[in-house]
Amino acid sequence: MRVSEQTAYPWVTLGLVAVSIFASVGGAGCGRPSVDTIRVAVAGPMTGDQSKQGTDLKNGVELAVTDWNEKGGVLGKRIELLVGDDQHDPKQAVAIANKFVNSGVVGVVGHWNSSASIPASEVYHGANISMITPASTNPQVTDRGYTNVFRVCGRDDQQGKVAAEFVVTQLKAKRVAVLHDKTTYGQGLADEFKKSLNASGGGRVEVVYYSGITQGDKDFRGVLTTVASKKPDVYFFGGIYPEGGLLVKQAREVGLKAPMVSGDGVIDPVFVQIAGEAAEGTYLTFSPDTTKLPTAQEVLKKYRARYGEPGPYSFYAYDAAQVLLRAIQSAGTTDGSKISQAIHISRYDGITGRLQFDSKGDLLTTQYVVWITKNGTFEEFWAPSGT
């Protein structure tokens, strides 16, 4: 039996993983763990327009927990996985974080959105619980000096720089429009792109338009008509695939022919489903294709057998869970401070590469490349020099 993203059941057993679902703030409670179990958690948007990403995270963590439970668990105890639905809402993320703390979790993989990870991490910091986000790229996630907060992905100041270099050196753009969805992630990425564009362009690139759209809206033809009137060579979007797909589709409708460049929040098959043929030729920054790495093949086979094709961040979630569980085992305790210390000194060769952290909780080594949407799928297109 597999939990769907819309499940109504508070407790579901999947193989050797017991999963508690917090569908909402008022969802099922689950008390404290028994003496024979250790609780960890995963959180993300499990329902709503971004539920694909939350499900991808849940699946990756669940698979890692299954691997450990099949080998006897951690510290000789069975691992219990709690799943929280933050609905990519900051307030809901805080409520889920408090629910996790009260339920006795010893570590959290999540959240997906930076706007959820940052406020939730305040709760985890106060409770001394390690948090590893697989996908939140805003610099503030790790720039606040919290020793219990980590990420196994890159940062927006890194991918914004790569996107700007690509726009300047490869697309030879002189006029650029910049849009964002007004979220912590979307506006943060757009601002980092704009900042790097000014540096990379050396004054030769003009930002002809800069504005935000509202996440959740469905009609962007008005703003796109204005963008088209500025005659940009490229337009950049900081945001997620629901709005990204509508933007490129509606851009065609208003006669805006410039290509869209965006970030990791858009690189998902749902983007193509929404945009249709208009998705062709869109450029997106993301890491190199992890499914092609030799280190990924065994887990890829297991993942496909259980869930189907992995999402962009499924393996990041799997690796984050592995880092957390290895740290608990290495620390020999569920004490939060010691688990965080173990993560800081850990070095794990995961599916996504070498996972080793600096003092902030960022990876020592990350890599972004540019992908292109082609024939209804995504292909690696360009990598910065030196990568």
Protein backbone atom coordinates (compact mmCIF):
# COMPACT_ATOMS: atom_id res chain seq x y z
CA MET A 1 0.00 0.00 0.00
CA ARG A 2 1.31 3.45 -0.87
CA VAL A 3 0.24 6.77 0.60
CA SER A 4 -1.11 9.15 -2.02
CA GLU A 5 -0.58 12.86 -1.55
CA GLN A 6 -4.30 13.20 -0.76
CA THR A 7 -4.53 10.37 1.79
CA ALA A 8 -7.06 10.81 4.56
CA TYR A 9 -5.56 8.21 6.85
CA PRO A 10 -3.51 9.51 9.79
CA TRP A 11 -1.47 6.31 10.18
CA VAL A 12 -0.25 4.17 7.32
CA THR A 13 2.32 1.41 7.36
CA LEU A 14 4.55 1.12 4.30
CA GLY A 15 6.83 -1.90 4.44
CA LEU A 16 9.09 -1.22 7.38
CA VAL A 17 8.27 2.48 7.59
CA ALA A 18 5.47 3.76 9.81
CA VAL A 19 4.34 7.11 8.47
CA SER A 20 2.34 9.69 10.42
CA ILE A 21 0.66 12.30 8.25
CA PHE A 22 0.01 15.81 9.55
CA ALA A 23 -2.35 16.88 6.78
CA SER A 24 -3.02 20.17 8.54
CA VAL A 25 -2.50 21.92 11.84
CA GLY A 26 -5.55 20.16 13.17
CA GLY A 27 -4.57 16.82 11.67
CA ALA A 28 -3.76 13.61 13.44
CA GLY A 29 -1.61 13.84 16.50
CA CYS A 30 0.68 11.03 17.48
CA GLY A 31 1.94 11.57 21.02
CA ARG A 32 5.52 10.71 21.94
CA PRO A 33 7.54 7.88 20.38
CA SER A 34 7.84 4.54 22.12
CA VAL A 35 11.13 3.48 23.68
CA ASP A 36 11.68 1.12 20.74
CA THR A 37 11.49 3.76 18.01
CA ILE A 38 13.29 6.89 16.88
CA ARG A 39 11.26 9.53 15.11
CA VAL A 40 12.45 11.64 12.20
CA ALA A 41 10.31 13.82 9.97
CA VAL A 42 9.95 15.22 6.48
CA ALA A 43 8.02 18.36 5.60
CA GLY A 44 6.97 20.10 2.41
CA PRO A 45 3.91 20.99 0.35
CA MET A 46 2.13 17.63 0.33
CA THR A 47 -1.14 19.05 -1.01
CA GLY A 48 -2.02 21.92 -3.31
CA ASP A 49 -0.40 23.25 -6.46
CA GLN A 50 3.14 22.27 -5.38
CA SER A 51 2.26 18.84 -3.99
CA LYS A 52 4.40 17.12 -6.64
CA GLN A 53 7.51 18.48 -4.92
CA GLY A 54 6.35 17.53 -1.44
CA THR A 55 5.58 14.00 -2.60
CA ASP A 56 9.02 13.76 -4.22
CA LEU A 57 10.64 14.75 -0.91
CA LYS A 58 8.51 12.34 1.08
CA ASN A 59 9.32 9.47 -1.26
CA GLY A 60 13.06 10.08 -1.12
CA VAL A 61 13.14 10.21 2.68
CA GLU A 62 10.80 7.25 2.99
CA LEU A 63 13.09 5.15 0.81
CA ALA A 64 16.13 6.04 2.91
CA VAL A 65 14.27 5.16 6.11
CA THR A 66 13.19 1.86 4.57
CA ASP A 67 16.83 1.06 3.73
CA TRP A 68 17.86 1.67 7.33
CA ASN A 69 14.94 -0.22 8.87
CA GLU A 70 15.67 -3.24 6.68
CA LYS A 71 19.15 -3.27 8.23
CA GLY A 72 17.93 -2.98 11.80
CA GLY A 73 17.16 0.73 12.16
CA VAL A 74 19.37 3.27 13.92
CA LEU A 75 20.91 2.80 17.37
CA GLY A 76 19.16 -0.57 17.42
CA LYS A 77 15.73 1.05 17.16
CA ARG A 78 13.14 1.14 14.40
CA ILE A 79 12.81 4.48 12.61
CA GLU A 80 9.39 6.07 12.44
CA LEU A 81 8.80 8.74 9.80
CA LEU A 82 6.41 11.63 10.36
CA VAL A 83 5.23 13.59 7.31
CA GLY A 84 4.14 17.23 7.57
CA ASP A 85 2.17 19.17 4.97
CA ASP A 86 3.20 22.83 5.16
CA GLN A 87 1.25 23.77 1.99
CA HIS A 88 4.18 26.10 1.15
CA ASP A 89 2.74 28.52 3.71
CA PRO A 90 5.09 30.09 6.32
CA LYS A 91 2.50 29.98 9.12
CA GLN A 92 1.61 26.39 8.37
CA ALA A 93 5.32 25.51 8.31
CA VAL A 94 5.72 26.91 11.83
CA ALA A 95 2.67 24.96 13.01
CA ILE A 96 4.07 21.74 11.51
CA ALA A 97 7.47 22.42 13.10
CA ASN A 98 5.88 22.81 16.52
CA LYS A 99 3.89 19.62 15.94
CA PHE A 100 7.13 17.78 15.13
CA VAL A 101 8.82 19.12 18.26
CA ASN A 102 5.91 18.09 20.46
CA SER A 103 5.92 14.64 18.84
CA GLY A 104 9.53 14.01 19.78
CA VAL A 105 11.28 14.00 16.42
CA VAL A 106 15.08 14.08 16.58
CA GLY A 107 15.70 15.45 13.09
CA VAL A 108 13.83 16.91 10.13
CA VAL A 109 14.37 16.69 6.38
CA GLY A 110 12.72 19.78 4.92
CA HIS A 111 11.21 22.06 4.09
CA TRP A 112 11.04 22.54 0.30
CA ASN A 113 10.29 26.26 0.01
CA SER A 114 12.67 28.79 1.52
CA SER A 115 9.66 30.75 2.76
CA ALA A 116 8.73 27.67 4.81
CA SER A 117 12.21 26.52 5.81
CA ILE A 118 13.30 29.83 7.31
CA PRO A 119 10.45 30.34 9.82
CA ALA A 120 10.24 26.61 10.60
CA SER A 121 13.96 26.53 11.32
CA GLU A 122 13.44 29.09 14.08
CA VAL A 123 11.31 26.49 15.86
CA TYR A 124 13.83 23.71 15.29
CA HIS A 125 16.64 25.97 16.47
CA GLY A 126 14.79 26.73 19.68
CA ALA A 127 14.18 23.01 20.25
CA ASN A 128 17.75 22.01 19.31
CA ILE A 129 16.60 19.72 16.48
CA SER A 130 18.70 19.25 13.34
CA MET A 131 17.05 20.34 10.09
CA ILE A 132 18.40 19.48 6.62
CA THR A 133 16.61 21.02 3.68
CA PRO A 134 16.96 19.24 0.33
CA ALA A 135 15.82 22.22 -1.73
CA SER A 136 15.66 25.63 0.01
CA THR A 137 18.21 27.81 -1.75
CA ASN A 138 17.73 31.27 -0.22
CA PRO A 139 20.99 32.39 1.46
CA GLN A 140 19.20 33.29 4.70
CA VAL A 141 18.50 29.62 5.38
CA THR A 142 22.10 29.17 6.51
CA ASP A 143 23.34 32.74 6.96
CA ARG A 144 21.82 33.22 10.43
CA GLY A 145 24.49 31.29 12.30
CA TYR A 146 22.29 28.37 13.40
CA THR A 147 24.48 25.34 13.97
CA ASN A 148 21.55 22.91 13.59
CA VAL A 149 20.46 24.05 10.07
CA PHE A 150 21.89 22.47 6.91
CA ARG A 151 21.13 22.08 3.22
CA VAL A 152 22.22 19.55 0.61
CA CYS A 153 21.53 21.87 -2.34
CA GLY A 154 23.17 25.05 -3.56
CA ARG A 155 22.30 28.69 -2.89
CA ASP A 156 20.56 31.38 -4.92
CA ASP A 157 23.64 33.56 -5.00
CA GLN A 158 25.34 30.62 -6.75
CA GLN A 159 22.62 29.78 -9.28
CA GLY A 160 21.81 33.45 -9.87
CA LYS A 161 25.41 33.99 -10.87
CA VAL A 162 25.37 31.02 -13.27
CA ALA A 163 22.12 32.23 -14.86
CA ALA A 164 23.53 35.73 -15.32
CA GLU A 165 26.75 34.43 -16.85
CA PHE A 166 24.73 32.32 -19.28
CA VAL A 167 22.48 35.21 -20.29
CA VAL A 168 25.46 37.49 -20.92
CA THR A 169 28.00 35.15 -22.48
CA GLN A 170 25.81 32.64 -24.30
CA LEU A 171 22.55 34.42 -25.12
CA LYS A 172 24.39 37.73 -25.67
CA ALA A 173 21.43 39.57 -24.20
CA LYS A 174 21.51 43.36 -24.00
CA ARG A 175 18.00 43.97 -22.70
CA VAL A 176 16.63 41.81 -19.87
CA ALA A 177 13.30 41.81 -18.04
CA VAL A 178 13.08 40.33 -14.53
CA LEU A 179 9.96 38.88 -12.90
CA HIS A 180 9.47 37.12 -9.58
CA ASP A 181 6.61 35.66 -7.53
CA LYS A 182 7.18 37.87 -4.45
CA THR A 183 8.21 34.88 -2.30
CA THR A 184 11.39 34.47 -0.28
CA TYR A 185 12.72 32.06 -2.90
CA GLY A 186 11.42 33.72 -6.06
CA GLN A 187 12.30 37.32 -5.30
CA GLY A 188 15.55 36.25 -3.66
CA LEU A 189 16.64 34.37 -6.78
CA ALA A 190 15.55 37.21 -9.07
CA ASP A 191 17.51 39.73 -7.01
CA GLU A 192 20.62 37.54 -7.01
CA PHE A 193 20.31 37.15 -10.78
CA LYS A 194 19.92 40.90 -11.24
CA LYS A 195 22.88 41.59 -8.98
CA SER A 196 25.07 39.10 -10.85
CA LEU A 197 23.79 40.37 -14.19
CA ASN A 198 25.10 43.83 -13.40
CA ALA A 199 28.48 42.34 -12.48
CA SER A 200 28.68 39.94 -15.43
CA GLY A 201 27.38 42.45 -17.96
CA GLY A 202 29.85 45.12 -17.03
CA GLY A 203 27.27 47.80 -17.70
CA ARG A 204 26.46 46.44 -21.17
CA VAL A 205 23.16 44.81 -20.09
CA GLU A 206 20.10 46.90 -19.31
CA VAL A 207 17.34 45.64 -17.01
CA VAL A 208 14.37 47.09 -18.88
CA TYR A 209 11.70 45.80 -16.52
CA TYR A 210 11.56 44.50 -12.93
CA SER A 211 8.37 43.53 -11.12
CA GLY A 212 6.58 40.84 -9.15
CA ILE A 213 3.53 38.71 -9.88
CA THR A 214 1.28 37.11 -7.30
CA GLN A 215 1.79 33.42 -6.62
CA GLY A 216 -1.46 31.59 -7.27
CA ASP A 217 -2.74 33.96 -9.94
CA LYS A 218 -3.67 32.43 -13.30
CA ASP A 219 -3.61 35.34 -15.76
CA PHE A 220 -0.35 37.18 -16.40
CA ARG A 221 -1.16 38.56 -19.82
CA GLY A 222 -1.26 42.15 -18.58
CA VAL A 223 2.24 42.14 -17.12
CA LEU A 224 3.56 40.11 -20.07
CA THR A 225 2.14 42.65 -22.52
CA THR A 226 4.06 45.33 -20.65
CA VAL A 227 7.21 43.19 -20.72
CA ALA A 228 6.80 42.64 -24.46
CA SER A 229 6.58 46.41 -25.02
CA LYS A 230 10.08 46.74 -23.50
CA LYS A 231 11.48 44.48 -26.24
CA PRO A 232 13.72 42.33 -23.99
CA ASP A 233 16.12 39.79 -25.45
CA VAL A 234 15.46 37.53 -22.44
CA TYR A 235 13.14 37.55 -19.46
CA PHE A 236 14.05 35.94 -16.15
CA PHE A 237 11.55 34.47 -13.72
CA GLY A 238 12.18 33.75 -10.07
CA GLY A 239 9.48 31.36 -8.93
CA ILE A 240 7.90 27.90 -9.13
CA TYR A 241 6.56 25.82 -12.02
CA PRO A 242 2.79 26.54 -11.65
CA GLU A 243 3.34 30.20 -12.47
CA GLY A 244 6.34 29.50 -14.70
CA GLY A 245 4.29 27.26 -16.96
CA LEU A 246 1.53 29.84 -17.30
CA LEU A 247 4.05 32.61 -17.98
CA VAL A 248 5.67 30.96 -20.99
CA LYS A 249 2.30 29.84 -22.34
CA GLN A 250 0.74 33.28 -22.04
CA ALA A 251 3.91 34.99 -23.29
CA ARG A 252 3.34 33.28 -26.63
CA GLU A 253 -0.25 34.50 -26.64
CA VAL A 254 0.75 38.16 -26.25
CA GLY A 255 3.57 37.95 -28.77
CA LEU A 256 6.52 37.90 -26.38
CA LYS A 257 9.06 35.77 -28.23
CA ALA A 258 12.07 36.22 -25.95
CA PRO A 259 13.10 33.03 -24.13
CA MET A 260 12.51 32.61 -20.43
CA VAL A 261 15.37 31.81 -18.09
CA SER A 262 14.50 30.53 -14.62
CA GLY A 263 15.80 28.46 -11.73
CA ASP A 264 15.41 25.10 -10.03
CA GLY A 265 11.87 25.85 -8.91
CA VAL A 266 10.61 25.48 -12.48
CA ILE A 267 12.47 22.35 -13.58
CA ASP A 268 9.75 19.75 -13.15
CA PRO A 269 7.60 17.78 -15.64
CA VAL A 270 4.54 19.64 -14.36
CA PHE A 271 6.00 22.80 -15.91
CA VAL A 272 5.84 21.15 -19.33
CA GLN A 273 2.34 19.84 -18.66
CA ILE A 274 1.14 23.36 -17.92
CA ALA A 275 3.05 25.16 -20.68
CA GLY A 276 2.69 22.62 -23.47
CA GLU A 277 4.65 23.46 -26.61
CA ALA A 278 5.42 26.92 -25.23
CA ALA A 279 7.86 25.30 -22.80
CA GLU A 280 10.27 24.57 -25.65
CA GLY A 281 13.47 26.58 -25.44
CA THR A 282 13.12 27.60 -21.80
CA TYR A 283 16.45 27.66 -19.92
CA LEU A 284 16.67 26.56 -16.29
CA THR A 285 19.48 26.45 -13.75
CA PHE A 286 19.82 23.24 -11.76
CA SER A 287 22.45 20.71 -10.77
CA PRO A 288 23.79 18.13 -13.27
CA ASP A 289 21.60 15.09 -13.90
CA THR A 290 21.95 12.86 -10.82
CA THR A 291 20.13 9.91 -12.42
CA LYS A 292 23.07 9.36 -14.77
CA LEU A 293 25.64 9.02 -11.98
CA PRO A 294 26.94 5.51 -11.26
CA THR A 295 26.32 6.14 -7.55
CA ALA A 296 22.61 6.63 -8.22
CA GLN A 297 21.78 3.45 -10.09
CA GLU A 298 20.95 1.13 -7.20
CA VAL A 299 18.72 3.69 -5.48
CA LEU A 300 17.20 4.71 -8.81
CA LYS A 301 16.12 1.11 -9.41
CA LYS A 302 14.51 0.89 -5.97
CA TYR A 303 12.84 4.26 -6.37
CA ARG A 304 11.33 3.44 -9.75
CA ALA A 305 10.03 0.11 -8.49
CA ARG A 306 8.24 1.76 -5.57
CA TYR A 307 7.24 5.21 -6.84
CA GLY A 308 7.99 5.60 -10.55
CA GLU A 309 10.28 8.29 -11.91
CA PRO A 310 12.09 10.42 -9.32
CA GLY A 311 11.46 14.15 -9.19
CA PRO A 312 14.21 16.77 -9.34
CA TYR A 313 14.68 16.75 -5.57
CA SER A 314 13.87 13.12 -4.71
CA PHE A 315 17.53 12.13 -4.50
CA TYR A 316 18.41 15.27 -2.56
CA ALA A 317 15.80 14.22 0.00
CA TYR A 318 17.21 10.69 0.04
CA ASP A 319 20.73 12.02 0.63
CA ALA A 320 19.55 14.44 3.31
CA ALA A 321 17.88 11.56 5.17
CA GLN A 322 21.04 9.48 4.85
CA VAL A 323 23.13 12.30 6.30
CA LEU A 324 20.71 12.69 9.21
CA LEU A 325 20.47 8.99 10.02
CA ARG A 326 24.21 8.47 9.71
CA ALA A 327 24.76 11.36 12.11
CA ILE A 328 22.39 9.87 14.68
CA GLN A 329 24.22 6.56 14.41
CA SER A 330 27.62 8.25 14.61
CA ALA A 331 26.64 10.43 17.57
CA GLY A 332 25.36 7.36 19.41
CA THR A 333 22.54 9.41 20.87
CA THR A 334 19.40 11.35 20.01
CA ASP A 335 20.76 14.48 21.70
CA GLY A 336 20.22 17.34 19.27
CA SER A 337 23.53 19.13 19.84
CA LYS A 338 25.54 15.98 19.30
CA ILE A 339 23.59 15.08 16.14
CA SER A 340 24.27 18.53 14.69
CA GLN A 341 27.95 18.24 15.61
CA ALA A 342 28.09 14.87 13.86
CA ILE A 343 26.56 16.37 10.72
CA HIS A 344 29.10 19.19 10.70
CA ILE A 345 32.03 16.79 10.72
CA SER A 346 30.46 14.19 8.44
CA ARG A 347 31.60 13.40 4.93
CA TYR A 348 29.19 11.33 2.90
CA ASP A 349 29.48 10.33 -0.74
CA GLY A 350 25.82 10.37 -1.66
CA ILE A 351 23.82 10.06 -4.85
CA THR A 352 24.11 13.78 -5.50
CA GLY A 353 27.86 13.96 -4.81
CA ARG A 354 30.21 14.61 -1.91
CA LEU A 355 28.22 15.95 1.03
CA GLN A 356 30.47 17.81 3.40
CA PHE A 357 29.44 20.97 5.22
CA ASP A 358 31.05 24.27 6.08
CA SER A 359 30.52 26.09 9.36
CA LYS A 360 27.26 27.62 8.09
CA GLY A 361 25.71 24.30 7.12
CA ASP A 362 26.20 24.78 3.38
CA LEU A 363 27.90 22.20 1.19
CA LEU A 364 31.59 22.75 0.54
CA THR A 365 31.05 21.87 -3.12
CA THR A 366 28.02 22.57 -5.28
CA GLN A 367 27.52 22.87 -9.01
CA TYR A 368 24.90 24.54 -11.19
CA VAL A 369 24.47 24.09 -14.92
CA VAL A 370 21.89 25.34 -17.40
CA TRP A 371 19.25 22.98 -18.76
CA ILE A 372 17.02 23.50 -21.79
CA THR A 373 13.44 22.32 -22.24
CA LYS A 374 13.46 20.32 -25.46
CA ASN A 375 10.94 17.91 -26.99
CA GLY A 376 8.86 18.00 -23.84
CA THR A 377 11.68 17.09 -21.48
CA PHE A 378 14.82 18.61 -19.94
CA GLU A 379 18.39 18.29 -21.20
CA GLU A 380 21.67 19.63 -19.87
CA PHE A 381 22.70 22.46 -22.16
CA TRP A 382 25.59 24.51 -20.77
CA ALA A 383 28.02 24.52 -17.87
CA PRO A 384 30.13 27.44 -16.66
CA SER A 385 33.84 27.27 -17.37
CA GLY A 386 35.78 25.38 -14.75
CA THR A 387 32.96 22.98 -13.86
